[in-house]
Amino acid sequence: KMVHGGLRYIEQGNLGLVRHSLHERQR
């Protein structure tokens, strides 16, 4: 049930995926 922004991916250095996830979540 989560529409997450991918907080754990920041630790992995995947900022592009986090930015995309947060943008899609806002949509």
mmCIF file of all heavy atoms, coordinates in Angstrom:
data_MODEL
# 
_entry.id   MODEL 
# 
loop_
_atom_site.group_PDB 
_atom_site.id 
_atom_site.type_symbol 
_atom_site.label_atom_id 
_atom_site.label_alt_id 
_atom_site.label_comp_id 
_atom_site.label_asym_id 
_atom_site.label_entity_id 
_atom_site.label_seq_id 
_atom_site.pdbx_PDB_ins_code 
_atom_site.Cartn_x 
_atom_site.Cartn_y 
_atom_site.Cartn_z 
_atom_site.occupancy 
_atom_site.B_iso_or_equiv 
_atom_site.pdbx_formal_charge 
_atom_site.auth_seq_id 
_atom_site.auth_comp_id 
_atom_site.auth_asym_id 
_atom_site.auth_atom_id 
_atom_site.pdbx_PDB_model_num 
ATOM 1   N N   . LYS A 1 1  ? 0.825  -1.225 0.000   1.00 0.00 ? 1  LYS A N   1 
ATOM 2   C CA  . LYS A 1 1  ? 0.000  0.000  0.000   1.00 0.00 ? 1  LYS A CA  1 
ATOM 3   C C   . LYS A 1 1  ? 0.852  1.266  0.000   1.00 0.00 ? 1  LYS A C   1 
ATOM 4   O O   . LYS A 1 1  ? 0.326  2.370  0.074   1.00 0.00 ? 1  LYS A O   1 
ATOM 5   C CB  . LYS A 1 1  ? -0.964 0.055  1.200   1.00 0.00 ? 1  LYS A CB  1 
ATOM 6   C CG  . LYS A 1 1  ? -1.671 -1.235 1.537   1.00 0.00 ? 1  LYS A CG  1 
ATOM 7   C CD  . LYS A 1 1  ? -2.515 -1.769 0.420   1.00 0.00 ? 1  LYS A CD  1 
ATOM 8   C CE  . LYS A 1 1  ? -3.205 -3.061 0.833   1.00 0.00 ? 1  LYS A CE  1 
ATOM 9   N NZ  . LYS A 1 1  ? -3.904 -3.723 -0.274  1.00 0.00 ? 1  LYS A NZ  1 
ATOM 10  N N   . MET A 1 2  ? 2.161  1.115  -0.093  1.00 0.00 ? 2  MET A N   1 
ATOM 11  C CA  . MET A 1 2  ? 3.045  2.270  -0.050  1.00 0.00 ? 2  MET A CA  1 
ATOM 12  C C   . MET A 1 2  ? 3.242  2.871  -1.437  1.00 0.00 ? 2  MET A C   1 
ATOM 13  O O   . MET A 1 2  ? 3.404  2.157  -2.423  1.00 0.00 ? 2  MET A O   1 
ATOM 14  C CB  . MET A 1 2  ? 4.410  1.866  0.507   1.00 0.00 ? 2  MET A CB  1 
ATOM 15  C CG  . MET A 1 2  ? 4.414  1.580  1.984   1.00 0.00 ? 2  MET A CG  1 
ATOM 16  S SD  . MET A 1 2  ? 4.332  3.105  2.930   1.00 0.00 ? 2  MET A SD  1 
ATOM 17  C CE  . MET A 1 2  ? 5.881  3.848  2.436   1.00 0.00 ? 2  MET A CE  1 
ATOM 18  N N   . VAL A 1 3  ? 3.196  4.204  -1.500  1.00 0.00 ? 3  VAL A N   1 
ATOM 19  C CA  . VAL A 1 3  ? 3.647  4.935  -2.683  1.00 0.00 ? 3  VAL A CA  1 
ATOM 20  C C   . VAL A 1 3  ? 4.881  5.689  -2.209  1.00 0.00 ? 3  VAL A C   1 
ATOM 21  O O   . VAL A 1 3  ? 4.830  6.861  -1.874  1.00 0.00 ? 3  VAL A O   1 
ATOM 22  C CB  . VAL A 1 3  ? 2.574  5.906  -3.200  1.00 0.00 ? 3  VAL A CB  1 
ATOM 23  C CG1 . VAL A 1 3  ? 3.022  6.566  -4.497  1.00 0.00 ? 3  VAL A CG1 1 
ATOM 24  C CG2 . VAL A 1 3  ? 1.262  5.186  -3.430  1.00 0.00 ? 3  VAL A CG2 1 
ATOM 25  N N   . HIS A 1 4  ? 5.994  4.975  -2.113  1.00 0.00 ? 4  HIS A N   1 
ATOM 26  C CA  . HIS A 1 4  ? 7.163  5.534  -1.439  1.00 0.00 ? 4  HIS A CA  1 
ATOM 27  C C   . HIS A 1 4  ? 8.056  6.308  -2.396  1.00 0.00 ? 4  HIS A C   1 
ATOM 28  O O   . HIS A 1 4  ? 8.025  6.121  -3.601  1.00 0.00 ? 4  HIS A O   1 
ATOM 29  C CB  . HIS A 1 4  ? 7.964  4.443  -0.731  1.00 0.00 ? 4  HIS A CB  1 
ATOM 30  C CG  . HIS A 1 4  ? 8.561  3.425  -1.659  1.00 0.00 ? 4  HIS A CG  1 
ATOM 31  N ND1 . HIS A 1 4  ? 9.714  3.659  -2.355  1.00 0.00 ? 4  HIS A ND1 1 
ATOM 32  C CD2 . HIS A 1 4  ? 8.151  2.184  -2.000  1.00 0.00 ? 4  HIS A CD2 1 
ATOM 33  C CE1 . HIS A 1 4  ? 9.999  2.597  -3.086  1.00 0.00 ? 4  HIS A CE1 1 
ATOM 34  N NE2 . HIS A 1 4  ? 9.069  1.683  -2.895  1.00 0.00 ? 4  HIS A NE2 1 
ATOM 35  N N   . GLY A 1 5  ? 8.839  7.202  -1.790  1.00 0.00 ? 5  GLY A N   1 
ATOM 36  C CA  . GLY A 1 5  ? 9.773  7.991  -2.575  1.00 0.00 ? 5  GLY A CA  1 
ATOM 37  C C   . GLY A 1 5  ? 11.131 7.355  -2.711  1.00 0.00 ? 5  GLY A C   1 
ATOM 38  O O   . GLY A 1 5  ? 12.014 7.912  -3.359  1.00 0.00 ? 5  GLY A O   1 
ATOM 39  N N   . GLY A 1 6  ? 11.317 6.182  -2.097  1.00 0.00 ? 6  GLY A N   1 
ATOM 40  C CA  . GLY A 1 6  ? 12.590 5.482  -2.253  1.00 0.00 ? 6  GLY A CA  1 
ATOM 41  C C   . GLY A 1 6  ? 13.691 6.008  -1.363  1.00 0.00 ? 6  GLY A C   1 
ATOM 42  O O   . GLY A 1 6  ? 14.821 6.207  -1.813  1.00 0.00 ? 6  GLY A O   1 
ATOM 43  N N   . LEU A 1 7  ? 13.380 6.230  -0.090  1.00 0.00 ? 7  LEU A N   1 
ATOM 44  C CA  . LEU A 1 7  ? 14.372 6.759  0.846   1.00 0.00 ? 7  LEU A CA  1 
ATOM 45  C C   . LEU A 1 7  ? 15.620 5.886  0.895   1.00 0.00 ? 7  LEU A C   1 
ATOM 46  O O   . LEU A 1 7  ? 16.740 6.390  0.959   1.00 0.00 ? 7  LEU A O   1 
ATOM 47  C CB  . LEU A 1 7  ? 13.740 6.867  2.240   1.00 0.00 ? 7  LEU A CB  1 
ATOM 48  C CG  . LEU A 1 7  ? 14.572 7.500  3.347   1.00 0.00 ? 7  LEU A CG  1 
ATOM 49  C CD1 . LEU A 1 7  ? 14.846 8.957  3.040   1.00 0.00 ? 7  LEU A CD1 1 
ATOM 50  C CD2 . LEU A 1 7  ? 13.863 7.370  4.693   1.00 0.00 ? 7  LEU A CD2 1 
ATOM 51  N N   . ARG A 1 8  ? 15.438 4.579  0.820   1.00 0.00 ? 8  ARG A N   1 
ATOM 52  C CA  . ARG A 1 8  ? 16.590 3.660  0.938   1.00 0.00 ? 8  ARG A CA  1 
ATOM 53  C C   . ARG A 1 8  ? 17.531 3.780  -0.249  1.00 0.00 ? 8  ARG A C   1 
ATOM 54  O O   . ARG A 1 8  ? 18.717 3.456  -0.142  1.00 0.00 ? 8  ARG A O   1 
ATOM 55  C CB  . ARG A 1 8  ? 16.101 2.225  1.062   1.00 0.00 ? 8  ARG A CB  1 
ATOM 56  C CG  . ARG A 1 8  ? 15.300 1.740  -0.133  1.00 0.00 ? 8  ARG A CG  1 
ATOM 57  C CD  . ARG A 1 8  ? 14.872 0.306  0.007   1.00 0.00 ? 8  ARG A CD  1 
ATOM 58  N NE  . ARG A 1 8  ? 14.048 -0.130 -1.098  1.00 0.00 ? 8  ARG A NE  1 
ATOM 59  C CZ  . ARG A 1 8  ? 13.652 -1.377 -1.299  1.00 0.00 ? 8  ARG A CZ  1 
ATOM 60  N NH1 . ARG A 1 8  ? 14.031 -2.307 -0.446  1.00 0.00 ? 8  ARG A NH1 1 
ATOM 61  N NH2 . ARG A 1 8  ? 12.896 -1.682 -2.309  1.00 0.00 ? 8  ARG A NH2 1 
ATOM 62  N N   . TYR A 1 9  ? 17.021 4.249  -1.415  1.00 0.00 ? 9  TYR A N   1 
ATOM 63  C CA  . TYR A 1 9  ? 17.864 4.343  -2.599  1.00 0.00 ? 9  TYR A CA  1 
ATOM 64  C C   . TYR A 1 9  ? 18.873 5.489  -2.509  1.00 0.00 ? 9  TYR A C   1 
ATOM 65  O O   . TYR A 1 9  ? 19.846 5.509  -3.254  1.00 0.00 ? 9  TYR A O   1 
ATOM 66  C CB  . TYR A 1 9  ? 17.004 4.495  -3.849  1.00 0.00 ? 9  TYR A CB  1 
ATOM 67  C CG  . TYR A 1 9  ? 16.098 3.308  -4.094  1.00 0.00 ? 9  TYR A CG  1 
ATOM 68  C CD1 . TYR A 1 9  ? 14.721 3.469  -4.212  1.00 0.00 ? 9  TYR A CD1 1 
ATOM 69  C CD2 . TYR A 1 9  ? 16.607 2.026  -4.190  1.00 0.00 ? 9  TYR A CD2 1 
ATOM 70  C CE1 . TYR A 1 9  ? 13.879 2.385  -4.414  1.00 0.00 ? 9  TYR A CE1 1 
ATOM 71  C CE2 . TYR A 1 9  ? 15.782 0.934  -4.392  1.00 0.00 ? 9  TYR A CE2 1 
ATOM 72  C CZ  . TYR A 1 9  ? 14.414 1.117  -4.504  1.00 0.00 ? 9  TYR A CZ  1 
ATOM 73  O OH  . TYR A 1 9  ? 13.597 0.044  -4.698  1.00 0.00 ? 9  TYR A OH  1 
ATOM 74  N N   . ILE A 1 10 ? 18.626 6.444  -1.612  1.00 0.00 ? 10 ILE A N   1 
ATOM 75  C CA  . ILE A 1 10 ? 19.610 7.513  -1.423  1.00 0.00 ? 10 ILE A CA  1 
ATOM 76  C C   . ILE A 1 10 ? 20.897 6.924  -0.876  1.00 0.00 ? 10 ILE A C   1 
ATOM 77  O O   . ILE A 1 10 ? 22.000 7.282  -1.293  1.00 0.00 ? 10 ILE A O   1 
ATOM 78  C CB  . ILE A 1 10 ? 19.054 8.588  -0.471  1.00 0.00 ? 10 ILE A CB  1 
ATOM 79  C CG1 . ILE A 1 10 ? 17.844 9.272  -1.101  1.00 0.00 ? 10 ILE A CG1 1 
ATOM 80  C CG2 . ILE A 1 10 ? 20.126 9.619  -0.140  1.00 0.00 ? 10 ILE A CG2 1 
ATOM 81  C CD1 . ILE A 1 10 ? 17.208 10.323 -0.213  1.00 0.00 ? 10 ILE A CD1 1 
ATOM 82  N N   . GLU A 1 11 ? 20.766 5.988  0.063   1.00 0.00 ? 11 GLU A N   1 
ATOM 83  C CA  . GLU A 1 11 ? 21.949 5.326  0.636   1.00 0.00 ? 11 GLU A CA  1 
ATOM 84  C C   . GLU A 1 11 ? 22.744 4.599  -0.431  1.00 0.00 ? 11 GLU A C   1 
ATOM 85  O O   . GLU A 1 11 ? 23.966 4.497  -0.354  1.00 0.00 ? 11 GLU A O   1 
ATOM 86  C CB  . GLU A 1 11 ? 21.506 4.358  1.738   1.00 0.00 ? 11 GLU A CB  1 
ATOM 87  C CG  . GLU A 1 11 ? 22.648 3.691  2.479   1.00 0.00 ? 11 GLU A CG  1 
ATOM 88  C CD  . GLU A 1 11 ? 22.160 2.706  3.521   1.00 0.00 ? 11 GLU A CD  1 
ATOM 89  O OE1 . GLU A 1 11 ? 20.932 2.528  3.638   1.00 0.00 ? 11 GLU A OE1 1 
ATOM 90  O OE2 . GLU A 1 11 ? 23.001 2.111  4.213   1.00 0.00 ? 11 GLU A OE2 1 
ATOM 91  N N   . GLN A 1 12 ? 22.031 4.100  -1.466  1.00 0.00 ? 12 GLN A N   1 
ATOM 92  C CA  . GLN A 1 12 ? 22.695 3.399  -2.558  1.00 0.00 ? 12 GLN A CA  1 
ATOM 93  C C   . GLN A 1 12 ? 23.230 4.351  -3.616  1.00 0.00 ? 12 GLN A C   1 
ATOM 94  O O   . GLN A 1 12 ? 23.831 3.922  -4.598  1.00 0.00 ? 12 GLN A O   1 
ATOM 95  C CB  . GLN A 1 12 ? 21.722 2.409  -3.194  1.00 0.00 ? 12 GLN A CB  1 
ATOM 96  C CG  . GLN A 1 12 ? 21.185 1.366  -2.215  1.00 0.00 ? 12 GLN A CG  1 
ATOM 97  C CD  . GLN A 1 12 ? 20.080 0.521  -2.813  1.00 0.00 ? 12 GLN A CD  1 
ATOM 98  O OE1 . GLN A 1 12 ? 19.791 0.601  -3.999  1.00 0.00 ? 12 GLN A OE1 1 
ATOM 99  N NE2 . GLN A 1 12 ? 19.444 -0.308 -1.984  1.00 0.00 ? 12 GLN A NE2 1 
ATOM 100 N N   . GLY A 1 13 ? 22.980 5.657  -3.445  1.00 0.00 ? 13 GLY A N   1 
ATOM 101 C CA  . GLY A 1 13 ? 23.465 6.647  -4.394  1.00 0.00 ? 13 GLY A CA  1 
ATOM 102 C C   . GLY A 1 13 ? 22.624 6.801  -5.640  1.00 0.00 ? 13 GLY A C   1 
ATOM 103 O O   . GLY A 1 13 ? 23.045 7.454  -6.601  1.00 0.00 ? 13 GLY A O   1 
ATOM 104 N N   . ASN A 1 14 ? 21.435 6.230  -5.647  1.00 0.00 ? 14 ASN A N   1 
ATOM 105 C CA  . ASN A 1 14 ? 20.576 6.284  -6.840  1.00 0.00 ? 14 ASN A CA  1 
ATOM 106 C C   . ASN A 1 14 ? 19.597 7.456  -6.709  1.00 0.00 ? 14 ASN A C   1 
ATOM 107 O O   . ASN A 1 14 ? 18.383 7.269  -6.586  1.00 0.00 ? 14 ASN A O   1 
ATOM 108 C CB  . ASN A 1 14 ? 19.820 4.966  -7.009  1.00 0.00 ? 14 ASN A CB  1 
ATOM 109 C CG  . ASN A 1 14 ? 19.313 4.772  -8.418  1.00 0.00 ? 14 ASN A CG  1 
ATOM 110 O OD1 . ASN A 1 14 ? 19.153 5.738  -9.173  1.00 0.00 ? 14 ASN A OD1 1 
ATOM 111 N ND2 . ASN A 1 14 ? 19.053 3.535  -8.789  1.00 0.00 ? 14 ASN A ND2 1 
ATOM 112 N N   . LEU A 1 15 ? 20.120 8.680  -6.780  1.00 0.00 ? 15 LEU A N   1 
ATOM 113 C CA  . LEU A 1 15 ? 19.290 9.868  -6.600  1.00 0.00 ? 15 LEU A CA  1 
ATOM 114 C C   . LEU A 1 15 ? 18.308 10.051 -7.752  1.00 0.00 ? 15 LEU A C   1 
ATOM 115 O O   . LEU A 1 15 ? 17.212 10.593 -7.564  1.00 0.00 ? 15 LEU A O   1 
ATOM 116 C CB  . LEU A 1 15 ? 20.182 11.107 -6.474  1.00 0.00 ? 15 LEU A CB  1 
ATOM 117 C CG  . LEU A 1 15 ? 21.006 11.216 -5.181  1.00 0.00 ? 15 LEU A CG  1 
ATOM 118 C CD1 . LEU A 1 15 ? 21.893 12.439 -5.225  1.00 0.00 ? 15 LEU A CD1 1 
ATOM 119 C CD2 . LEU A 1 15 ? 20.089 11.265 -3.972  1.00 0.00 ? 15 LEU A CD2 1 
ATOM 120 N N   . GLY A 1 16 ? 18.712 9.618  -8.964  1.00 0.00 ? 16 GLY A N   1 
ATOM 121 C CA  . GLY A 1 16 ? 17.821 9.741  -10.105 1.00 0.00 ? 16 GLY A CA  1 
ATOM 122 C C   . GLY A 1 16 ? 16.525 8.970  -9.902  1.00 0.00 ? 16 GLY A C   1 
ATOM 123 O O   . GLY A 1 16 ? 15.437 9.462  -10.219 1.00 0.00 ? 16 GLY A O   1 
ATOM 124 N N   . LEU A 1 17 ? 16.639 7.758  -9.347  1.00 0.00 ? 17 LEU A N   1 
ATOM 125 C CA  . LEU A 1 17 ? 15.460 6.942  -9.086  1.00 0.00 ? 17 LEU A CA  1 
ATOM 126 C C   . LEU A 1 17 ? 14.585 7.573  -8.002  1.00 0.00 ? 17 LEU A C   1 
ATOM 127 O O   . LEU A 1 17 ? 13.348 7.578  -8.103  1.00 0.00 ? 17 LEU A O   1 
ATOM 128 C CB  . LEU A 1 17 ? 15.875 5.532  -8.663  1.00 0.00 ? 17 LEU A CB  1 
ATOM 129 C CG  . LEU A 1 17 ? 14.743 4.552  -8.335  1.00 0.00 ? 17 LEU A CG  1 
ATOM 130 C CD1 . LEU A 1 17 ? 13.829 4.372  -9.528  1.00 0.00 ? 17 LEU A CD1 1 
ATOM 131 C CD2 . LEU A 1 17 ? 15.319 3.205  -7.898  1.00 0.00 ? 17 LEU A CD2 1 
ATOM 132 N N   . VAL A 1 18 ? 15.222 8.136  -6.977  1.00 0.00 ? 18 VAL A N   1 
ATOM 133 C CA  . VAL A 1 18 ? 14.475 8.796  -5.901  1.00 0.00 ? 18 VAL A CA  1 
ATOM 134 C C   . VAL A 1 18 ? 13.717 9.996  -6.451  1.00 0.00 ? 18 VAL A C   1 
ATOM 135 O O   . VAL A 1 18 ? 12.527 10.188 -6.170  1.00 0.00 ? 18 VAL A O   1 
ATOM 136 C CB  . VAL A 1 18 ? 15.422 9.237  -4.774  1.00 0.00 ? 18 VAL A CB  1 
ATOM 137 C CG1 . VAL A 1 18 ? 14.663 10.028 -3.709  1.00 0.00 ? 18 VAL A CG1 1 
ATOM 138 C CG2 . VAL A 1 18 ? 16.100 8.032  -4.143  1.00 0.00 ? 18 VAL A CG2 1 
ATOM 139 N N   . ARG A 1 19 ? 14.380 10.804 -7.257  1.00 0.00 ? 19 ARG A N   1 
ATOM 140 C CA  . ARG A 1 19 ? 13.746 11.991 -7.831  1.00 0.00 ? 19 ARG A CA  1 
ATOM 141 C C   . ARG A 1 19 ? 12.559 11.598 -8.704  1.00 0.00 ? 19 ARG A C   1 
ATOM 142 O O   . ARG A 1 19 ? 11.488 12.207 -8.643  1.00 0.00 ? 19 ARG A O   1 
ATOM 143 C CB  . ARG A 1 19 ? 14.762 12.779 -8.652  1.00 0.00 ? 19 ARG A CB  1 
ATOM 144 C CG  . ARG A 1 19 ? 14.289 14.162 -9.072  1.00 0.00 ? 19 ARG A CG  1 
ATOM 145 C CD  . ARG A 1 19 ? 15.346 14.896 -9.882  1.00 0.00 ? 19 ARG A CD  1 
ATOM 146 N NE  . ARG A 1 19 ? 16.592 15.039 -9.147  1.00 0.00 ? 19 ARG A NE  1 
ATOM 147 C CZ  . ARG A 1 19 ? 17.710 14.396 -9.452  1.00 0.00 ? 19 ARG A CZ  1 
ATOM 148 N NH1 . ARG A 1 19 ? 17.735 13.540 -10.454 1.00 0.00 ? 19 ARG A NH1 1 
ATOM 149 N NH2 . ARG A 1 19 ? 18.800 14.591 -8.741  1.00 0.00 ? 19 ARG A NH2 1 
ATOM 150 N N   . HIS A 1 20 ? 12.744 10.539 -9.511  1.00 0.00 ? 20 HIS A N   1 
ATOM 151 C CA  . HIS A 1 20 ? 11.656 10.069 -10.376 1.00 0.00 ? 20 HIS A CA  1 
ATOM 152 C C   . HIS A 1 20 ? 10.494 9.534  -9.538  1.00 0.00 ? 20 HIS A C   1 
ATOM 153 O O   . HIS A 1 20 ? 9.320  9.826  -9.836  1.00 0.00 ? 20 HIS A O   1 
ATOM 154 C CB  . HIS A 1 20 ? 12.180 8.975  -11.306 1.00 0.00 ? 20 HIS A CB  1 
ATOM 155 C CG  . HIS A 1 20 ? 11.133 8.367  -12.185 1.00 0.00 ? 20 HIS A CG  1 
ATOM 156 N ND1 . HIS A 1 20 ? 10.625 9.014  -13.289 1.00 0.00 ? 20 HIS A ND1 1 
ATOM 157 C CD2 . HIS A 1 20 ? 10.476 7.181  -12.106 1.00 0.00 ? 20 HIS A CD2 1 
ATOM 158 C CE1 . HIS A 1 20 ? 9.705  8.258  -13.861 1.00 0.00 ? 20 HIS A CE1 1 
ATOM 159 N NE2 . HIS A 1 20 ? 9.600  7.139  -13.169 1.00 0.00 ? 20 HIS A NE2 1 
ATOM 160 N N   . SER A 1 21 ? 10.785 8.769  -8.490  1.00 0.00 ? 21 SER A N   1 
ATOM 161 C CA  . SER A 1 21 ? 9.736  8.201  -7.642  1.00 0.00 ? 21 SER A CA  1 
ATOM 162 C C   . SER A 1 21 ? 8.929  9.304  -6.954  1.00 0.00 ? 21 SER A C   1 
ATOM 163 O O   . SER A 1 21 ? 7.694  9.228  -6.877  1.00 0.00 ? 21 SER A O   1 
ATOM 164 C CB  . SER A 1 21 ? 10.345 7.278  -6.590  1.00 0.00 ? 21 SER A CB  1 
ATOM 165 O OG  . SER A 1 21 ? 10.983 6.165  -7.184  1.00 0.00 ? 21 SER A OG  1 
ATOM 166 N N   . LEU A 1 22 ? 9.615  10.324 -6.470  1.00 0.00 ? 22 LEU A N   1 
ATOM 167 C CA  . LEU A 1 22 ? 8.929  11.415 -5.789  1.00 0.00 ? 22 LEU A CA  1 
ATOM 168 C C   . LEU A 1 22 ? 8.061  12.216 -6.759  1.00 0.00 ? 22 LEU A C   1 
ATOM 169 O O   . LEU A 1 22 ? 6.969  12.674 -6.402  1.00 0.00 ? 22 LEU A O   1 
ATOM 170 C CB  . LEU A 1 22 ? 9.954  12.326 -5.106  1.00 0.00 ? 22 LEU A CB  1 
ATOM 171 C CG  . LEU A 1 22 ? 10.670 11.713 -3.902  1.00 0.00 ? 22 LEU A CG  1 
ATOM 172 C CD1 . LEU A 1 22 ? 11.840 12.584 -3.469  1.00 0.00 ? 22 LEU A CD1 1 
ATOM 173 C CD2 . LEU A 1 22 ? 9.703  11.504 -2.752  1.00 0.00 ? 22 LEU A CD2 1 
ATOM 174 N N   . HIS A 1 23 ? 8.535  12.375 -7.992  1.00 0.00 ? 23 HIS A N   1 
ATOM 175 C CA  . HIS A 1 23 ? 7.748  13.089 -8.996  1.00 0.00 ? 23 HIS A CA  1 
ATOM 176 C C   . HIS A 1 23 ? 6.490  12.300 -9.344  1.00 0.00 ? 23 HIS A C   1 
ATOM 177 O O   . HIS A 1 23 ? 5.387  12.872 -9.445  1.00 0.00 ? 23 HIS A O   1 
ATOM 178 C CB  . HIS A 1 23 ? 8.599  13.317 -10.245 1.00 0.00 ? 23 HIS A CB  1 
ATOM 179 C CG  . HIS A 1 23 ? 7.937  14.188 -11.262 1.00 0.00 ? 23 HIS A CG  1 
ATOM 180 N ND1 . HIS A 1 23 ? 7.669  15.518 -11.026 1.00 0.00 ? 23 HIS A ND1 1 
ATOM 181 C CD2 . HIS A 1 23 ? 7.477  13.925 -12.504 1.00 0.00 ? 23 HIS A CD2 1 
ATOM 182 C CE1 . HIS A 1 23 ? 7.074  16.038 -12.086 1.00 0.00 ? 23 HIS A CE1 1 
ATOM 183 N NE2 . HIS A 1 23 ? 6.934  15.096 -12.996 1.00 0.00 ? 23 HIS A NE2 1 
ATOM 184 N N   . GLU A 1 24 ? 6.620  10.993 -9.507  1.00 0.00 ? 24 GLU A N   1 
ATOM 185 C CA  . GLU A 1 24 ? 5.463  10.157 -9.824  1.00 0.00 ? 24 GLU A CA  1 
ATOM 186 C C   . GLU A 1 24 ? 4.487  10.106 -8.647  1.00 0.00 ? 24 GLU A C   1 
ATOM 187 O O   . GLU A 1 24 ? 3.273  10.091 -8.841  1.00 0.00 ? 24 GLU A O   1 
ATOM 188 C CB  . GLU A 1 24 ? 5.929  8.732  -10.180 1.00 0.00 ? 24 GLU A CB  1 
ATOM 189 C CG  . GLU A 1 24 ? 6.635  8.635  -11.518 1.00 0.00 ? 24 GLU A CG  1 
ATOM 190 C CD  . GLU A 1 24 ? 5.733  9.040  -12.674 1.00 0.00 ? 24 GLU A CD  1 
ATOM 191 O OE1 . GLU A 1 24 ? 4.587  8.565  -12.723 1.00 0.00 ? 24 GLU A OE1 1 
ATOM 192 O OE2 . GLU A 1 24 ? 6.163  9.860  -13.502 1.00 0.00 ? 24 GLU A OE2 1 
ATOM 193 N N   . ARG A 1 25 ? 5.012  10.097 -7.434  1.00 0.00 ? 25 ARG A N   1 
ATOM 194 C CA  . ARG A 1 25 ? 4.151  10.102 -6.259  1.00 0.00 ? 25 ARG A CA  1 
ATOM 195 C C   . ARG A 1 25 ? 3.316  11.375 -6.206  1.00 0.00 ? 25 ARG A C   1 
ATOM 196 O O   . ARG A 1 25 ? 2.121  11.347 -5.886  1.00 0.00 ? 25 ARG A O   1 
ATOM 197 C CB  . ARG A 1 25 ? 4.990  9.970  -4.991  1.00 0.00 ? 25 ARG A CB  1 
ATOM 198 C CG  . ARG A 1 25 ? 4.144  9.812  -3.720  1.00 0.00 ? 25 ARG A CG  1 
ATOM 199 C CD  . ARG A 1 25 ? 5.007  9.731  -2.490  1.00 0.00 ? 25 ARG A CD  1 
ATOM 200 N NE  . ARG A 1 25 ? 5.595  11.021 -2.167  1.00 0.00 ? 25 ARG A NE  1 
ATOM 201 C CZ  . ARG A 1 25 ? 6.489  11.206 -1.198  1.00 0.00 ? 25 ARG A CZ  1 
ATOM 202 N NH1 . ARG A 1 25 ? 6.922  10.171 -0.495  1.00 0.00 ? 25 ARG A NH1 1 
ATOM 203 N NH2 . ARG A 1 25 ? 6.968  12.407 -0.945  1.00 0.00 ? 25 ARG A NH2 1 
ATOM 204 N N   . GLN A 1 26 ? 3.937  12.509 -6.551  1.00 0.00 ? 26 GLN A N   1 
ATOM 205 C CA  . GLN A 1 26 ? 3.199  13.758 -6.549  1.00 0.00 ? 26 GLN A CA  1 
ATOM 206 C C   . GLN A 1 26 ? 2.114  13.774 -7.620  1.00 0.00 ? 26 GLN A C   1 
ATOM 207 O O   . GLN A 1 26 ? 1.031  14.334 -7.414  1.00 0.00 ? 26 GLN A O   1 
ATOM 208 C CB  . GLN A 1 26 ? 4.156  14.943 -6.757  1.00 0.00 ? 26 GLN A CB  1 
ATOM 209 C CG  . GLN A 1 26 ? 3.487  16.305 -6.713  1.00 0.00 ? 26 GLN A CG  1 
ATOM 210 C CD  . GLN A 1 26 ? 2.773  16.567 -5.406  1.00 0.00 ? 26 GLN A CD  1 
ATOM 211 O OE1 . GLN A 1 26 ? 3.065  15.916 -4.397  1.00 0.00 ? 26 GLN A OE1 1 
ATOM 212 N NE2 . GLN A 1 26 ? 1.844  17.505 -5.394  1.00 0.00 ? 26 GLN A NE2 1 
ATOM 213 N N   . ARG A 1 27 ? 2.373  13.135 -8.757  1.00 0.00 ? 27 ARG A N   1 
ATOM 214 C CA  . ARG A 1 27 ? 1.340  13.021 -9.784  1.00 0.00 ? 27 ARG A CA  1 
ATOM 215 C C   . ARG A 1 27 ? 0.141  12.238 -9.265  1.00 0.00 ? 27 ARG A C   1 
ATOM 216 O O   . ARG A 1 27 ? -1.009 12.612 -9.494  1.00 0.00 ? 27 ARG A O   1 
ATOM 217 C CB  . ARG A 1 27 ? 1.902  12.335 -11.027 1.00 0.00 ? 27 ARG A CB  1 
ATOM 218 C CG  . ARG A 1 27 ? 2.798  13.209 -11.879 1.00 0.00 ? 27 ARG A CG  1 
ATOM 219 C CD  . ARG A 1 27 ? 3.282  12.448 -13.087 1.00 0.00 ? 27 ARG A CD  1 
ATOM 220 N NE  . ARG A 1 27 ? 4.075  13.293 -13.967 1.00 0.00 ? 27 ARG A NE  1 
ATOM 221 C CZ  . ARG A 1 27 ? 4.700  12.860 -15.056 1.00 0.00 ? 27 ARG A CZ  1 
ATOM 222 N NH1 . ARG A 1 27 ? 4.601  11.581 -15.394 1.00 0.00 ? 27 ARG A NH1 1 
ATOM 223 N NH2 . ARG A 1 27 ? 5.400  13.692 -15.801 1.00 0.00 ? 27 ARG A NH2 1 
# 
